[in-house]
Amino acid sequence: MPQVKDYDSLVQAVSDFAHRPGIGTYVDYFIQDAEDRIYRTVLAENEGRGLVWMENTLALTIDGTTGYAPVPADYIGLKAAQVNANGGIYDLKVRPAQWIYARYPIRSATAPPSFIAREGSNFIFGPFPDGAYDVQGTYYQRATALSAGNPTTWMTTNIPLTLLAGCMVAAAKFLKDQAMMEGYMQEFTGRLQEIIAADKAQDFGDDLQISSGNPAPPGW
């Protein structure tokens, strides 16, 4: 039974659904477009949060001189962060960088930090850290793109049909088929909204909560 489960099967599915055998040559473009659309839509519709499959462990040390800690290269958003200070673990509240500079204008050793913000390739803190504190937590990462050399990702494992719909939107643009694009955009949007709703249900533990580790039915 044909299924989308990895790069090769996705390439085949795009060719099959487009009824254009030769279109597989361009599928890498469609995958890139679909992955970007999924990340953008998830962050926009999920109040800046990613999905559980996008989570990764944050483990950093603040530079005791500059007050900076490096942002991971695959970072797209912060879920939660804590600082190890004075023998305990304390939550860091997320604020805009401008807020931290306005609230804590003295940018030299002051105290253990209570706030964190991203500024370019670094995290900054307020108050300005008075030492090399360890920071831990969870962030949302952008996975290595799906390709022939990286044939599976969290998208092919957990939301393969949503990824396929996103690819078909891109393929329809390529083919200049407006009706096809509108149809697959509707499917893509509907699937992703349901996935986001299921993820929110798990996150907030309401009556719609789905078992942990798989916040959406297989194959979405």
N, C-alpha and C. Protein backbone atom coordinates (compact mmCIF):
# COMPACT_ATOMS: atom_id res chain seq x y z
N MET A 1 0.85 -1.20 0.00
CA MET A 1 0.00 0.00 0.00
C MET A 1 0.87 1.24 0.00
N PRO A 2 0.72 2.14 -0.98
CA PRO A 2 1.56 3.35 -1.03
C PRO A 2 1.32 4.24 0.19
N GLN A 3 2.40 4.71 0.77
CA GLN A 3 2.34 5.63 1.91
C GLN A 3 3.47 6.63 1.81
N VAL A 4 3.25 7.83 2.36
CA VAL A 4 4.32 8.80 2.49
C VAL A 4 5.00 8.54 3.83
N LYS A 5 6.26 8.13 3.79
CA LYS A 5 6.97 7.81 5.03
C LYS A 5 8.41 8.28 5.00
N ASP A 6 8.89 8.71 3.83
CA ASP A 6 10.26 9.19 3.73
C ASP A 6 10.41 10.02 2.45
N TYR A 7 11.63 10.44 2.15
CA TYR A 7 11.88 11.31 1.01
C TYR A 7 11.42 10.67 -0.30
N ASP A 8 11.84 9.44 -0.55
CA ASP A 8 11.52 8.79 -1.83
C ASP A 8 10.03 8.63 -2.01
N SER A 9 9.33 8.23 -0.95
CA SER A 9 7.88 8.04 -1.09
C SER A 9 7.16 9.38 -1.25
N LEU A 10 7.71 10.45 -0.68
CA LEU A 10 7.12 11.78 -0.87
C LEU A 10 7.30 12.24 -2.32
N VAL A 11 8.49 12.03 -2.86
CA VAL A 11 8.74 12.37 -4.27
C VAL A 11 7.76 11.63 -5.17
N GLN A 12 7.55 10.35 -4.90
CA GLN A 12 6.62 9.56 -5.71
C GLN A 12 5.20 10.07 -5.56
N ALA A 13 4.81 10.41 -4.33
CA ALA A 13 3.45 10.88 -4.10
C ALA A 13 3.18 12.19 -4.82
N VAL A 14 4.15 13.10 -4.80
CA VAL A 14 3.97 14.37 -5.50
C VAL A 14 3.78 14.11 -7.00
N SER A 15 4.60 13.24 -7.56
CA SER A 15 4.47 12.91 -8.98
C SER A 15 3.11 12.28 -9.28
N ASP A 16 2.65 11.38 -8.41
CA ASP A 16 1.38 10.70 -8.60
C ASP A 16 0.20 11.67 -8.52
N PHE A 17 0.22 12.52 -7.48
CA PHE A 17 -0.92 13.42 -7.26
C PHE A 17 -0.95 14.54 -8.29
N ALA A 18 0.21 14.94 -8.80
CA ALA A 18 0.25 15.97 -9.82
C ALA A 18 -0.02 15.42 -11.22
N HIS A 19 0.02 14.09 -11.34
CA HIS A 19 -0.13 13.43 -12.64
C HIS A 19 0.91 13.94 -13.64
N ARG A 20 2.10 14.20 -13.11
CA ARG A 20 3.21 14.67 -13.95
C ARG A 20 4.46 13.89 -13.55
N PRO A 21 4.74 12.76 -14.18
CA PRO A 21 5.89 11.93 -13.79
C PRO A 21 7.21 12.70 -13.75
N GLY A 22 7.39 13.67 -14.64
CA GLY A 22 8.66 14.38 -14.68
C GLY A 22 8.83 15.45 -13.62
N ILE A 23 7.77 15.71 -12.85
CA ILE A 23 7.83 16.80 -11.87
C ILE A 23 8.72 16.46 -10.68
N GLY A 24 9.03 15.17 -10.51
CA GLY A 24 9.88 14.76 -9.39
C GLY A 24 11.24 15.45 -9.39
N THR A 25 11.69 15.90 -10.53
CA THR A 25 12.97 16.60 -10.63
C THR A 25 12.98 17.86 -9.78
N TYR A 26 11.80 18.44 -9.57
CA TYR A 26 11.70 19.73 -8.88
C TYR A 26 11.21 19.61 -7.44
N VAL A 27 11.06 18.39 -6.94
CA VAL A 27 10.45 18.19 -5.64
C VAL A 27 11.23 18.85 -4.50
N ASP A 28 12.55 18.93 -4.60
CA ASP A 28 13.31 19.57 -3.52
C ASP A 28 12.87 21.02 -3.31
N TYR A 29 12.51 21.71 -4.40
CA TYR A 29 11.97 23.06 -4.26
C TYR A 29 10.65 23.04 -3.49
N PHE A 30 9.81 22.07 -3.83
CA PHE A 30 8.49 21.99 -3.20
C PHE A 30 8.62 21.65 -1.71
N ILE A 31 9.57 20.78 -1.38
CA ILE A 31 9.78 20.40 0.03
C ILE A 31 10.25 21.61 0.82
N GLN A 32 11.19 22.36 0.26
CA GLN A 32 11.69 23.55 0.95
C GLN A 32 10.55 24.54 1.21
N ASP A 33 9.72 24.74 0.21
CA ASP A 33 8.58 25.65 0.34
C ASP A 33 7.62 25.15 1.41
N ALA A 34 7.32 23.86 1.39
CA ALA A 34 6.37 23.29 2.34
C ALA A 34 6.90 23.34 3.77
N GLU A 35 8.17 23.01 3.96
CA GLU A 35 8.75 23.05 5.30
C GLU A 35 8.73 24.48 5.85
N ASP A 36 9.12 25.44 5.03
CA ASP A 36 9.09 26.84 5.47
C ASP A 36 7.67 27.26 5.84
N ARG A 37 6.69 26.84 5.03
CA ARG A 37 5.30 27.21 5.30
C ARG A 37 4.81 26.59 6.61
N ILE A 38 5.21 25.35 6.86
CA ILE A 38 4.80 24.69 8.11
C ILE A 38 5.38 25.41 9.32
N TYR A 39 6.67 25.72 9.30
CA TYR A 39 7.28 26.41 10.43
C TYR A 39 6.63 27.77 10.66
N ARG A 40 6.44 28.54 9.58
CA ARG A 40 5.86 29.88 9.71
C ARG A 40 4.44 29.80 10.26
N THR A 41 3.65 28.88 9.73
CA THR A 41 2.26 28.78 10.13
C THR A 41 2.13 28.32 11.57
N VAL A 42 2.93 27.35 11.96
CA VAL A 42 2.87 26.86 13.34
C VAL A 42 3.17 27.98 14.33
N LEU A 43 4.24 28.73 14.11
CA LEU A 43 4.60 29.80 15.04
C LEU A 43 3.55 30.90 15.04
N ALA A 44 3.00 31.21 13.88
CA ALA A 44 2.00 32.27 13.80
C ALA A 44 0.68 31.87 14.45
N GLU A 45 0.25 30.63 14.25
CA GLU A 45 -1.04 30.18 14.74
C GLU A 45 -0.99 29.61 16.15
N ASN A 46 0.20 29.30 16.64
CA ASN A 46 0.33 28.67 17.95
C ASN A 46 0.94 29.64 18.97
N GLU A 47 0.70 30.93 18.75
CA GLU A 47 1.10 31.97 19.71
C GLU A 47 2.60 31.94 19.98
N GLY A 48 3.38 31.75 18.91
CA GLY A 48 4.83 31.78 19.04
C GLY A 48 5.44 30.47 19.50
N ARG A 49 4.60 29.48 19.79
CA ARG A 49 5.12 28.19 20.22
C ARG A 49 5.21 27.23 19.05
N GLY A 50 6.12 26.28 19.16
CA GLY A 50 6.22 25.23 18.17
C GLY A 50 5.41 24.02 18.59
N LEU A 51 5.59 22.93 17.89
CA LEU A 51 4.94 21.66 18.21
C LEU A 51 5.88 20.81 19.06
N VAL A 52 5.33 19.83 19.74
CA VAL A 52 6.14 18.99 20.62
C VAL A 52 7.28 18.32 19.87
N TRP A 53 7.07 18.00 18.59
CA TRP A 53 8.11 17.32 17.81
C TRP A 53 9.28 18.25 17.50
N MET A 54 9.08 19.54 17.68
CA MET A 54 10.12 20.52 17.37
C MET A 54 10.99 20.85 18.60
N GLU A 55 10.69 20.26 19.73
CA GLU A 55 11.39 20.61 20.97
C GLU A 55 12.78 19.97 21.06
N ASN A 56 13.70 20.72 21.62
CA ASN A 56 15.05 20.22 21.86
C ASN A 56 15.55 20.81 23.18
N THR A 57 16.52 20.14 23.77
CA THR A 57 17.04 20.58 25.07
C THR A 57 17.96 21.78 24.92
N LEU A 58 17.75 22.77 25.77
CA LEU A 58 18.62 23.95 25.81
C LEU A 58 19.61 23.78 26.96
N ALA A 59 20.88 23.91 26.67
CA ALA A 59 21.92 23.80 27.69
C ALA A 59 23.04 24.78 27.33
N LEU A 60 23.13 25.89 28.04
CA LEU A 60 24.07 26.96 27.72
C LEU A 60 24.76 27.44 28.97
N THR A 61 25.87 28.13 28.78
CA THR A 61 26.56 28.81 29.88
C THR A 61 26.74 30.27 29.51
N ILE A 62 26.31 31.16 30.37
CA ILE A 62 26.46 32.59 30.13
C ILE A 62 27.92 32.98 30.27
N ASP A 63 28.41 33.74 29.30
CA ASP A 63 29.78 34.25 29.39
C ASP A 63 29.83 35.28 30.52
N GLY A 64 30.67 35.03 31.49
CA GLY A 64 30.73 35.89 32.67
C GLY A 64 31.23 37.29 32.37
N THR A 65 31.86 37.51 31.22
CA THR A 65 32.38 38.84 30.86
C THR A 65 31.41 39.61 29.97
N THR A 66 30.97 38.98 28.89
CA THR A 66 30.08 39.68 27.94
C THR A 66 28.62 39.65 28.36
N GLY A 67 28.26 38.68 29.21
CA GLY A 67 26.86 38.54 29.61
C GLY A 67 26.00 37.84 28.57
N TYR A 68 26.62 37.32 27.51
CA TYR A 68 25.91 36.66 26.43
C TYR A 68 25.92 35.14 26.61
N ALA A 69 24.96 34.50 25.95
CA ALA A 69 24.98 33.05 25.75
C ALA A 69 24.57 32.81 24.31
N PRO A 70 25.22 31.90 23.59
CA PRO A 70 24.94 31.73 22.16
C PRO A 70 23.58 31.08 21.89
N VAL A 71 22.91 31.59 20.86
CA VAL A 71 21.65 30.99 20.40
C VAL A 71 22.00 29.77 19.54
N PRO A 72 21.38 28.60 19.77
CA PRO A 72 21.66 27.43 18.94
C PRO A 72 21.40 27.74 17.46
N ALA A 73 22.19 27.14 16.60
CA ALA A 73 22.09 27.42 15.16
C ALA A 73 20.73 27.03 14.59
N ASP A 74 20.07 26.01 15.17
CA ASP A 74 18.78 25.55 14.65
C ASP A 74 17.60 26.13 15.41
N TYR A 75 17.83 27.18 16.19
CA TYR A 75 16.81 27.79 17.05
C TYR A 75 15.76 28.53 16.24
N ILE A 76 14.47 28.32 16.58
CA ILE A 76 13.41 29.14 16.01
C ILE A 76 12.48 29.72 17.07
N GLY A 77 12.62 29.30 18.32
CA GLY A 77 11.79 29.85 19.38
C GLY A 77 12.11 29.21 20.72
N LEU A 78 11.79 29.94 21.79
CA LEU A 78 12.09 29.45 23.14
C LEU A 78 10.80 29.03 23.84
N LYS A 79 10.79 27.83 24.37
CA LYS A 79 9.64 27.37 25.14
C LYS A 79 9.78 27.74 26.61
N ALA A 80 10.93 27.43 27.20
CA ALA A 80 11.14 27.73 28.61
C ALA A 80 12.63 27.70 28.92
N ALA A 81 13.05 28.48 29.89
CA ALA A 81 14.46 28.50 30.29
C ALA A 81 14.56 28.74 31.78
N GLN A 82 15.57 28.13 32.38
CA GLN A 82 15.84 28.31 33.81
C GLN A 82 17.33 28.58 33.99
N VAL A 83 17.65 29.27 35.08
CA VAL A 83 19.04 29.56 35.40
C VAL A 83 19.40 28.87 36.70
N ASN A 84 20.61 28.33 36.75
CA ASN A 84 21.13 27.70 37.96
C ASN A 84 21.90 28.75 38.73
N ALA A 85 21.33 29.21 39.84
CA ALA A 85 21.96 30.31 40.60
C ALA A 85 21.71 30.15 42.08
N ASN A 86 22.72 30.43 42.86
CA ASN A 86 22.62 30.42 44.33
C ASN A 86 22.06 29.10 44.86
N GLY A 87 22.50 28.02 44.22
CA GLY A 87 22.11 26.70 44.69
C GLY A 87 20.72 26.25 44.30
N GLY A 88 20.05 26.99 43.43
CA GLY A 88 18.70 26.62 43.01
C GLY A 88 18.50 26.82 41.52
N ILE A 89 17.36 26.36 41.03
CA ILE A 89 16.99 26.51 39.62
C ILE A 89 15.81 27.47 39.57
N TYR A 90 15.96 28.55 38.80
CA TYR A 90 14.94 29.58 38.76
C TYR A 90 14.52 29.87 37.31
N ASP A 91 13.21 30.08 37.11
CA ASP A 91 12.69 30.37 35.79
C ASP A 91 13.20 31.72 35.28
N LEU A 92 13.49 31.75 33.98
CA LEU A 92 13.82 33.00 33.30
C LEU A 92 12.60 33.41 32.49
N LYS A 93 12.15 34.63 32.67
CA LYS A 93 11.00 35.13 31.94
C LYS A 93 11.47 35.74 30.61
N VAL A 94 10.75 35.42 29.54
CA VAL A 94 11.12 35.91 28.21
C VAL A 94 10.59 37.33 28.01
N ARG A 95 11.47 38.19 27.55
CA ARG A 95 11.11 39.58 27.26
C ARG A 95 11.79 40.01 25.97
N PRO A 96 11.31 41.05 25.30
CA PRO A 96 12.02 41.60 24.15
C PRO A 96 13.36 42.20 24.57
N ALA A 97 14.33 42.18 23.65
CA ALA A 97 15.65 42.74 23.98
C ALA A 97 15.55 44.20 24.39
N GLN A 98 14.68 44.98 23.71
CA GLN A 98 14.55 46.40 24.04
C GLN A 98 14.07 46.60 25.46
N TRP A 99 13.19 45.69 25.91
CA TRP A 99 12.67 45.78 27.28
C TRP A 99 13.80 45.59 28.29
N ILE A 100 14.66 44.61 28.02
CA ILE A 100 15.76 44.35 28.94
C ILE A 100 16.72 45.53 28.99
N TYR A 101 17.05 46.10 27.84
CA TYR A 101 17.96 47.26 27.83
C TYR A 101 17.35 48.45 28.56
N ALA A 102 16.04 48.64 28.41
CA ALA A 102 15.38 49.76 29.08
C ALA A 102 15.28 49.54 30.58
N ARG A 103 15.00 48.31 30.95
CA ARG A 103 14.82 48.00 32.39
C ARG A 103 16.16 47.86 33.11
N TYR A 104 17.16 47.36 32.40
CA TYR A 104 18.47 47.12 33.01
C TYR A 104 19.56 47.79 32.16
N PRO A 105 19.64 49.11 32.19
CA PRO A 105 20.60 49.83 31.35
C PRO A 105 22.06 49.63 31.76
N ILE A 106 22.28 49.24 33.00
CA ILE A 106 23.66 48.99 33.45
C ILE A 106 24.09 47.63 32.91
N ARG A 107 25.00 47.65 31.94
CA ARG A 107 25.42 46.42 31.27
C ARG A 107 26.79 45.98 31.77
N SER A 108 26.84 45.75 33.07
CA SER A 108 28.02 45.19 33.71
C SER A 108 27.54 44.34 34.87
N ALA A 109 28.44 43.53 35.44
CA ALA A 109 28.07 42.55 36.46
C ALA A 109 27.17 43.16 37.52
N THR A 110 25.97 42.56 37.66
CA THR A 110 24.99 43.11 38.60
C THR A 110 24.43 42.06 39.55
N ALA A 111 23.80 41.00 38.98
CA ALA A 111 23.12 40.01 39.82
C ALA A 111 22.75 38.80 38.96
N PRO A 112 22.29 37.71 39.58
CA PRO A 112 21.78 36.60 38.80
C PRO A 112 20.61 37.06 37.93
N PRO A 113 20.53 36.61 36.70
CA PRO A 113 19.47 37.09 35.80
C PRO A 113 18.10 36.53 36.13
N SER A 114 17.07 37.32 35.77
CA SER A 114 15.68 36.90 35.92
C SER A 114 14.94 36.89 34.58
N PHE A 115 15.53 37.55 33.56
CA PHE A 115 14.88 37.69 32.27
C PHE A 115 15.85 37.31 31.15
N ILE A 116 15.28 36.85 30.03
CA ILE A 116 16.08 36.43 28.89
C ILE A 116 15.45 36.96 27.61
N ALA A 117 16.28 37.31 26.65
CA ALA A 117 15.80 37.76 25.34
C ALA A 117 16.80 37.35 24.28
N ARG A 118 16.30 37.19 23.08
CA ARG A 118 17.20 36.92 21.97
C ARG A 118 17.57 38.23 21.30
N GLU A 119 18.86 38.38 21.02
CA GLU A 119 19.34 39.52 20.24
C GLU A 119 20.33 38.98 19.21
N GLY A 120 19.87 38.83 17.96
CA GLY A 120 20.73 38.28 16.92
C GLY A 120 21.14 36.85 17.24
N SER A 121 22.44 36.61 17.28
CA SER A 121 22.95 35.26 17.51
C SER A 121 23.22 34.97 18.98
N ASN A 122 22.77 35.86 19.87
CA ASN A 122 23.00 35.68 21.30
C ASN A 122 21.73 35.88 22.11
N PHE A 123 21.72 35.26 23.29
CA PHE A 123 20.74 35.59 24.31
C PHE A 123 21.35 36.66 25.21
N ILE A 124 20.53 37.63 25.62
CA ILE A 124 20.97 38.60 26.62
C ILE A 124 20.08 38.44 27.85
N PHE A 125 20.51 39.02 28.96
CA PHE A 125 19.83 38.76 30.22
C PHE A 125 19.67 40.05 31.03
N GLY A 126 18.71 40.02 31.90
CA GLY A 126 18.51 41.11 32.82
C GLY A 126 18.13 40.56 34.20
N PRO A 127 18.74 41.08 35.26
CA PRO A 127 19.88 42.00 35.26
C PRO A 127 21.10 41.39 34.54
N PHE A 128 22.10 42.24 34.27
CA PHE A 128 23.33 41.75 33.65
C PHE A 128 23.96 40.73 34.59
N PRO A 129 24.26 39.53 34.11
CA PRO A 129 24.76 38.46 34.99
C PRO A 129 26.08 38.84 35.66
N ASP A 130 26.19 38.44 36.92
CA ASP A 130 27.43 38.71 37.67
C ASP A 130 28.31 37.46 37.74
N GLY A 131 28.09 36.54 36.79
CA GLY A 131 28.89 35.33 36.76
C GLY A 131 28.54 34.48 35.57
N ALA A 132 29.26 33.36 35.43
CA ALA A 132 29.04 32.43 34.30
C ALA A 132 27.99 31.40 34.71
N TYR A 133 26.74 31.79 34.66
CA TYR A 133 25.65 30.91 35.08
C TYR A 133 25.28 29.91 33.98
N ASP A 134 24.86 28.72 34.42
CA ASP A 134 24.34 27.72 33.49
C ASP A 134 22.85 27.95 33.27
N VAL A 135 22.45 27.84 32.01
CA VAL A 135 21.05 28.00 31.62
C VAL A 135 20.56 26.70 31.00
N GLN A 136 19.40 26.26 31.39
CA GLN A 136 18.82 25.04 30.84
C GLN A 136 17.38 25.31 30.46
N GLY A 137 16.82 24.44 29.66
CA GLY A 137 15.43 24.61 29.27
C GLY A 137 15.08 23.85 28.02
N THR A 138 14.13 24.37 27.27
CA THR A 138 13.65 23.74 26.05
C THR A 138 13.43 24.81 24.99
N TYR A 139 13.89 24.52 23.78
CA TYR A 139 13.65 25.44 22.67
C TYR A 139 13.09 24.67 21.48
N TYR A 140 12.50 25.43 20.56
CA TYR A 140 11.99 24.84 19.33
C TYR A 140 13.06 24.94 18.27
N GLN A 141 13.35 23.81 17.63
CA GLN A 141 14.43 23.76 16.65
C GLN A 141 13.89 23.56 15.24
N ARG A 142 14.65 24.02 14.28
CA ARG A 142 14.37 23.73 12.89
C ARG A 142 15.19 22.50 12.52
N ALA A 143 14.50 21.43 12.16
CA ALA A 143 15.18 20.18 11.86
C ALA A 143 15.96 20.28 10.55
N THR A 144 16.94 19.42 10.39
CA THR A 144 17.64 19.33 9.12
C THR A 144 16.64 19.04 8.02
N ALA A 145 16.73 19.77 6.94
CA ALA A 145 15.75 19.66 5.86
C ALA A 145 15.68 18.25 5.30
N LEU A 146 14.49 17.86 4.90
CA LEU A 146 14.29 16.56 4.25
C LEU A 146 14.98 16.58 2.89
N SER A 147 15.70 15.51 2.57
CA SER A 147 16.41 15.42 1.30
C SER A 147 16.77 13.96 1.05
N ALA A 148 17.35 13.71 -0.10
CA ALA A 148 17.80 12.35 -0.39
C ALA A 148 18.84 11.89 0.62
N GLY A 149 19.65 12.82 1.10
CA GLY A 149 20.67 12.47 2.08
C GLY A 149 20.16 12.45 3.51
N ASN A 150 18.97 13.01 3.74
CA ASN A 150 18.33 13.00 5.06
C ASN A 150 16.87 12.60 4.84
N PRO A 151 16.63 11.29 4.62
CA PRO A 151 15.35 10.83 4.08
C PRO A 151 14.15 10.85 5.02
N THR A 152 14.37 11.04 6.32
CA THR A 152 13.24 11.12 7.26
C THR A 152 13.45 12.27 8.22
N THR A 153 12.35 12.91 8.60
CA THR A 153 12.36 13.96 9.62
C THR A 153 11.11 13.80 10.47
N TRP A 154 10.94 14.67 11.45
CA TRP A 154 9.73 14.59 12.27
C TRP A 154 8.47 14.80 11.42
N MET A 155 8.61 15.52 10.32
CA MET A 155 7.44 15.75 9.46
C MET A 155 7.02 14.48 8.74
N THR A 156 7.96 13.73 8.17
CA THR A 156 7.60 12.49 7.48
C THR A 156 7.11 11.43 8.46
N THR A 157 7.59 11.50 9.70
CA THR A 157 7.19 10.52 10.70
C THR A 157 5.82 10.82 11.29
N ASN A 158 5.53 12.11 11.55
CA ASN A 158 4.33 12.47 12.30
C ASN A 158 3.24 13.16 11.49
N ILE A 159 3.60 13.96 10.49
CA ILE A 159 2.58 14.67 9.72
C ILE A 159 2.85 14.55 8.21
N PRO A 160 3.04 13.33 7.71
CA PRO A 160 3.43 13.16 6.31
C PRO A 160 2.41 13.70 5.32
N LEU A 161 1.11 13.57 5.61
CA LEU A 161 0.11 14.03 4.66
C LEU A 161 -0.01 15.56 4.66
N THR A 162 0.29 16.17 5.78
CA THR A 162 0.33 17.64 5.83
C THR A 162 1.52 18.15 5.02
N LEU A 163 2.64 17.49 5.16
CA LEU A 163 3.82 17.84 4.37
C LEU A 163 3.52 17.66 2.88
N LEU A 164 2.86 16.56 2.53
CA LEU A 164 2.49 16.32 1.13
C LEU A 164 1.58 17.44 0.61
N ALA A 165 0.59 17.84 1.41
CA ALA A 165 -0.30 18.91 0.99
C ALA A 165 0.47 20.20 0.76
N GLY A 166 1.44 20.48 1.64
CA GLY A 166 2.27 21.67 1.46
C GLY A 166 3.09 21.59 0.18
N CYS A 167 3.62 20.42 -0.11
CA CYS A 167 4.37 20.22 -1.35
C CYS A 167 3.48 20.41 -2.57
N MET A 168 2.24 19.96 -2.47
CA MET A 168 1.33 20.09 -3.60
C MET A 168 0.93 21.55 -3.84
N VAL A 169 0.86 22.35 -2.76
CA VAL A 169 0.63 23.79 -2.94
C VAL A 169 1.76 24.38 -3.78
N ALA A 170 2.99 24.02 -3.42
CA ALA A 170 4.16 24.53 -4.16
C ALA A 170 4.17 24.01 -5.58
N ALA A 171 3.81 22.75 -5.76
CA ALA A 171 3.77 22.18 -7.10
C ALA A 171 2.73 22.88 -7.96
N ALA A 172 1.58 23.20 -7.36
CA ALA A 172 0.53 23.89 -8.10
C ALA A 172 0.98 25.28 -8.54
N LYS A 173 1.72 25.96 -7.68
CA LYS A 173 2.27 27.27 -8.08
C LYS A 173 3.21 27.10 -9.26
N PHE A 174 4.03 26.05 -9.19
CA PHE A 174 4.98 25.77 -10.26
C PHE A 174 4.27 25.49 -11.58
N LEU A 175 3.15 24.77 -11.48
CA LEU A 175 2.38 24.41 -12.68
C LEU A 175 1.41 25.51 -13.10
N LYS A 176 1.34 26.58 -12.30
CA LYS A 176 0.41 27.68 -12.57
C LYS A 176 -1.04 27.19 -12.64
N ASP A 177 -1.37 26.31 -11.71
CA ASP A 177 -2.71 25.74 -11.63
C ASP A 177 -3.41 26.33 -10.40
N GLN A 178 -4.18 27.40 -10.58
CA GLN A 178 -4.80 28.12 -9.48
C GLN A 178 -5.79 27.26 -8.71
N ALA A 179 -6.62 26.52 -9.42
CA ALA A 179 -7.62 25.68 -8.74
C ALA A 179 -6.95 24.61 -7.89
N MET A 180 -5.92 23.99 -8.44
CA MET A 180 -5.18 22.97 -7.70
C MET A 180 -4.54 23.59 -6.46
N MET A 181 -3.97 24.77 -6.59
CA MET A 181 -3.31 25.42 -5.46
C MET A 181 -4.31 25.74 -4.37
N GLU A 182 -5.47 26.27 -4.75
CA GLU A 182 -6.48 26.62 -3.75
C GLU A 182 -6.98 25.39 -3.02
N GLY A 183 -7.19 24.31 -3.74
CA GLY A 183 -7.66 23.08 -3.11
C GLY A 183 -6.66 22.53 -2.11
N TYR A 184 -5.41 22.45 -2.51
CA TYR A 184 -4.40 21.91 -1.59
C TYR A 184 -4.07 22.88 -0.46
N MET A 185 -4.21 24.19 -0.70
CA MET A 185 -4.00 25.14 0.38
C MET A 185 -5.07 24.97 1.46
N GLN A 186 -6.28 24.72 1.03
CA GLN A 186 -7.36 24.48 1.98
C GLN A 186 -7.09 23.21 2.79
N GLU A 187 -6.65 22.16 2.11
CA GLU A 187 -6.32 20.92 2.81
C GLU A 187 -5.16 21.13 3.77
N PHE A 188 -4.11 21.80 3.30
CA PHE A 188 -2.94 22.05 4.13
C PHE A 188 -3.33 22.84 5.38
N THR A 189 -4.08 23.91 5.19
CA THR A 189 -4.47 24.76 6.31
C THR A 189 -5.33 24.00 7.31
N GLY A 190 -6.29 23.23 6.82
CA GLY A 190 -7.15 22.48 7.71
C GLY A 190 -6.40 21.45 8.52
N ARG A 191 -5.51 20.72 7.87
CA ARG A 191 -4.73 19.70 8.58
C ARG A 191 -3.86 20.35 9.65
N LEU A 192 -3.18 21.43 9.29
CA LEU A 192 -2.26 22.04 10.23
C LEU A 192 -3.00 22.69 11.40
N GLN A 193 -4.16 23.26 11.15
CA GLN A 193 -4.95 23.82 12.25
C GLN A 193 -5.36 22.74 13.24
N GLU A 194 -5.71 21.58 12.73
CA GLU A 194 -6.08 20.47 13.62
C GLU A 194 -4.88 19.98 14.43
N ILE A 195 -3.72 19.94 13.80
CA ILE A 195 -2.51 19.53 14.50
C ILE A 195 -2.17 20.52 15.60
N ILE A 196 -2.26 21.81 15.30
CA ILE A 196 -1.97 22.84 16.30
C ILE A 196 -2.96 22.77 17.45
N ALA A 197 -4.24 22.56 17.14
CA ALA A 197 -5.25 22.45 18.19
C ALA A 197 -4.98 21.25 19.09
N ALA A 198 -4.58 20.13 18.50
CA ALA A 198 -4.26 18.94 19.30
C ALA A 198 -3.04 19.18 20.16
N ASP A 199 -2.06 19.88 19.62
CA ASP A 199 -0.86 20.19 20.39
C ASP A 199 -1.18 21.11 21.56
N LYS A 200 -2.03 22.11 21.33
CA LYS A 200 -2.46 23.01 22.40
C LYS A 200 -3.19 22.24 23.48
N ALA A 201 -4.05 21.29 23.07
CA ALA A 201 -4.80 20.50 24.03
C ALA A 201 -3.87 19.73 24.95
N GLN A 202 -2.82 19.17 24.38
CA GLN A 202 -1.85 18.44 25.19
C GLN A 202 -1.10 19.38 26.11
N ASP A 203 -0.71 20.55 25.57
CA ASP A 203 0.09 21.50 26.32
C ASP A 203 -0.66 22.02 27.53
N PHE A 204 -1.95 22.30 27.35
CA PHE A 204 -2.74 22.89 28.43
C PHE A 204 -3.52 21.86 29.22
N GLY A 205 -3.51 20.61 28.76
CA GLY A 205 -4.13 19.54 29.53
C GLY A 205 -5.63 19.65 29.64
N ASP A 206 -6.31 20.13 28.59
CA ASP A 206 -7.76 20.26 28.67
C ASP A 206 -8.43 18.94 28.29
N ASP A 207 -9.73 19.00 28.09
CA ASP A 207 -10.50 17.78 27.84
C ASP A 207 -10.16 17.11 26.52
N LEU A 208 -9.50 17.85 25.63
CA LEU A 208 -9.13 17.27 24.33
C LEU A 208 -7.74 16.68 24.32
N GLN A 209 -7.13 16.58 25.50
CA GLN A 209 -5.75 16.13 25.57
C GLN A 209 -5.56 14.77 24.91
N ILE A 210 -4.49 14.67 24.13
CA ILE A 210 -4.12 13.42 23.46
C ILE A 210 -2.86 12.90 24.12
N SER A 211 -2.65 11.60 24.13
CA SER A 211 -1.54 11.01 24.85
C SER A 211 -0.22 11.66 24.50
N SER A 212 0.64 11.82 25.52
CA SER A 212 1.92 12.48 25.34
C SER A 212 2.79 11.71 24.37
N GLY A 213 3.64 12.48 23.66
CA GLY A 213 4.54 11.86 22.70
C GLY A 213 3.95 11.75 21.32
N ASN A 214 2.62 11.90 21.18
CA ASN A 214 1.99 11.83 19.86
C ASN A 214 0.72 12.69 19.89
N PRO A 215 0.88 14.02 19.84
CA PRO A 215 -0.27 14.91 20.01
C PRO A 215 -1.17 14.98 18.80
N ALA A 216 -0.97 14.18 17.81
CA ALA A 216 -1.87 14.13 16.66
C ALA A 216 -1.92 12.70 16.15
N PRO A 217 -3.08 12.30 15.63
CA PRO A 217 -3.17 10.94 15.08
C PRO A 217 -2.11 10.69 14.02
N PRO A 218 -1.60 9.48 13.93
CA PRO A 218 -0.54 9.18 12.95
C PRO A 218 -0.98 9.51 11.53
N GLY A 219 -0.06 10.07 10.77
CA GLY A 219 -0.29 10.30 9.37
C GLY A 219 -0.87 11.65 9.00
N TRP A 220 -1.01 12.57 9.93
CA TRP A 220 -1.66 13.84 9.64
C TRP A 220 -0.88 14.63 8.60
